Amino acid sequence: MCLAIPMKIVQIDGFNALCEAKGVTREVSLYLIQTDPIAIGDFVMVHIGYAIQKICEQEARSAWELHDERMAFEANDA
């Protein structure tokens, strides 16, 4: 199973970006989505350090809400 994390682009340097999600920042390669117009403030799905898809802010928020619900469920189930 593959897991991609929605992250917000906060800085761009060529094909690399600094992205943030829930207070965590990571350097991310934009190489795989170089044909898409990308700007600071955009949201991308990140898998093993690569942005694999540009998404809208609502999709990113929905993904994080689902993740938070799952984590809460697992914590209560333990």
C-alpha atoms as a PDB file:
ATOM      1  CA  MET A   1       0.000   0.000   0.000  1.00  0.00           C
ATOM      2  CA  CYS A   2       1.285   3.445  -0.897  1.00  0.00           C
ATOM      3  CA  LEU A   3       0.675   6.472   1.260  1.00  0.00           C
ATOM      4  CA  ALA A   4       0.814  10.029  -0.038  1.00  0.00           C
ATOM      5  CA  ILE A   5       0.613  13.024   2.281  1.00  0.00           C
ATOM      6  CA  PRO A   6      -0.996  16.335   1.277  1.00  0.00           C
ATOM      7  CA  MET A   7       1.425  19.205   1.793  1.00  0.00           C
ATOM      8  CA  LYS A   8       1.419  22.949   1.088  1.00  0.00           C
ATOM      9  CA  ILE A   9       4.254  24.472  -0.939  1.00  0.00           C
ATOM     10  CA  VAL A  10       5.921  27.279   1.015  1.00  0.00           C
ATOM     11  CA  GLN A  11       9.075  27.796  -1.068  1.00  0.00           C
ATOM     12  CA  ILE A  12      10.198  26.823  -4.580  1.00  0.00           C
ATOM     13  CA  ASP A  13      13.742  26.487  -5.922  1.00  0.00           C
ATOM     14  CA  GLY A  14      13.755  25.042  -9.441  1.00  0.00           C
ATOM     15  CA  PHE A  15      12.381  21.493  -9.283  1.00  0.00           C
ATOM     16  CA  ASN A  16      12.579  21.418  -5.473  1.00  0.00           C
ATOM     17  CA  ALA A  17      10.124  22.822  -2.971  1.00  0.00           C
ATOM     18  CA  LEU A  18       9.885  23.231   0.763  1.00  0.00           C
ATOM     19  CA  CYS A  19       6.493  21.875   1.781  1.00  0.00           C
ATOM     20  CA  GLU A  20       4.602  21.976   5.096  1.00  0.00           C
ATOM     21  CA  ALA A  21       1.887  19.878   6.673  1.00  0.00           C
ATOM     22  CA  LYS A  22       0.740  20.075  10.292  1.00  0.00           C
ATOM     23  CA  GLY A  23       3.890  21.939  11.345  1.00  0.00           C
ATOM     24  CA  VAL A  24       6.269  19.493   9.650  1.00  0.00           C
ATOM     25  CA  THR A  25       8.398  20.722   6.739  1.00  0.00           C
ATOM     26  CA  ARG A  26      10.055  18.564   4.105  1.00  0.00           C
ATOM     27  CA  GLU A  27      12.079  19.142   0.963  1.00  0.00           C
ATOM     28  CA  VAL A  28      10.092  17.730  -1.952  1.00  0.00           C
ATOM     29  CA  SER A  29      10.991  17.130  -5.590  1.00  0.00           C
ATOM     30  CA  LEU A  30       8.610  18.658  -8.127  1.00  0.00           C
ATOM     31  CA  TYR A  31      10.229  16.766 -11.006  1.00  0.00           C
ATOM     32  CA  LEU A  32       7.316  14.353 -11.528  1.00  0.00           C
ATOM     33  CA  ILE A  33       4.778  17.176 -11.909  1.00  0.00           C
ATOM     34  CA  GLN A  34       6.962  19.637 -13.806  1.00  0.00           C
ATOM     35  CA  THR A  35       4.359  20.019 -16.580  1.00  0.00           C
ATOM     36  CA  ASP A  36       1.791  21.382 -14.093  1.00  0.00           C
ATOM     37  CA  PRO A  37       1.853  25.089 -13.192  1.00  0.00           C
ATOM     38  CA  ILE A  38       3.040  25.150  -9.560  1.00  0.00           C
ATOM     39  CA  ALA A  39       3.168  28.159  -7.226  1.00  0.00           C
ATOM     40  CA  ILE A  40       3.791  28.909  -3.570  1.00  0.00           C
ATOM     41  CA  GLY A  41       0.580  28.169  -1.681  1.00  0.00           C
ATOM     42  CA  ASP A  42      -0.407  25.229  -3.898  1.00  0.00           C
ATOM     43  CA  PHE A  43      -1.082  21.808  -2.380  1.00  0.00           C
ATOM     44  CA  VAL A  44       0.537  18.596  -3.593  1.00  0.00           C
ATOM     45  CA  MET A  45       0.359  14.931  -2.673  1.00  0.00           C
ATOM     46  CA  VAL A  46       3.825  13.775  -1.548  1.00  0.00           C
ATOM     47  CA  HIS A  47       5.093  10.189  -1.660  1.00  0.00           C
ATOM     48  CA  ILE A  48       8.666   9.313  -0.595  1.00  0.00           C
ATOM     49  CA  GLY A  49       9.878  12.868  -1.182  1.00  0.00           C
ATOM     50  CA  TYR A  50       8.235  13.408  -4.568  1.00  0.00           C
ATOM     51  CA  ALA A  51       5.180  15.500  -5.367  1.00  0.00           C
ATOM     52  CA  ILE A  52       3.042  13.125  -7.420  1.00  0.00           C
ATOM     53  CA  GLN A  53      -0.100  15.210  -7.935  1.00  0.00           C
ATOM     54  CA  LYS A  54      -1.317  18.776  -7.515  1.00  0.00           C
ATOM     55  CA  ILE A  55      -4.559  18.990  -5.516  1.00  0.00           C
ATOM     56  CA  CYS A  56      -6.894  21.734  -4.356  1.00  0.00           C
ATOM     57  CA  GLU A  57      -6.932  23.010  -0.778  1.00  0.00           C
ATOM     58  CA  GLN A  58     -10.262  21.289  -0.040  1.00  0.00           C
ATOM     59  CA  GLU A  59      -8.858  17.898  -1.110  1.00  0.00           C
ATOM     60  CA  ALA A  60      -5.859  18.433   1.166  1.00  0.00           C
ATOM     61  CA  ARG A  61      -8.054  19.374   4.131  1.00  0.00           C
ATOM     62  CA  SER A  62     -10.365  16.401   3.534  1.00  0.00           C
ATOM     63  CA  ALA A  63      -7.395  14.026   3.436  1.00  0.00           C
ATOM     64  CA  TRP A  64      -6.061  15.397   6.737  1.00  0.00           C
ATOM     65  CA  GLU A  65      -9.507  15.173   8.383  1.00  0.00           C
ATOM     66  CA  LEU A  66      -9.796  11.540   7.310  1.00  0.00           C
ATOM     67  CA  HIS A  67      -6.283  10.841   8.599  1.00  0.00           C
ATOM     68  CA  ASP A  68      -7.083  12.475  11.961  1.00  0.00           C
ATOM     69  CA  GLU A  69     -10.305  10.448  12.287  1.00  0.00           C
ATOM     70  CA  ARG A  70      -8.443   7.219  11.570  1.00  0.00           C
ATOM     71  CA  MET A  71      -5.732   8.022  14.118  1.00  0.00           C
ATOM     72  CA  ALA A  72      -8.368   8.843  16.763  1.00  0.00           C
ATOM     73  CA  PHE A  73     -10.208   5.589  16.009  1.00  0.00           C
ATOM     74  CA  GLU A  74      -6.998   3.564  16.322  1.00  0.00           C
ATOM     75  CA  ALA A  75      -6.120   5.310  19.600  1.00  0.00           C
ATOM     76  CA  ASN A  76      -9.557   4.491  21.055  1.00  0.00           C
ATOM     77  CA  ASP A  77      -9.416   0.916  19.764  1.00  0.00           C
ATOM     78  CA  ALA A  78      -6.096   0.142  21.483  1.00  0.00           C
END
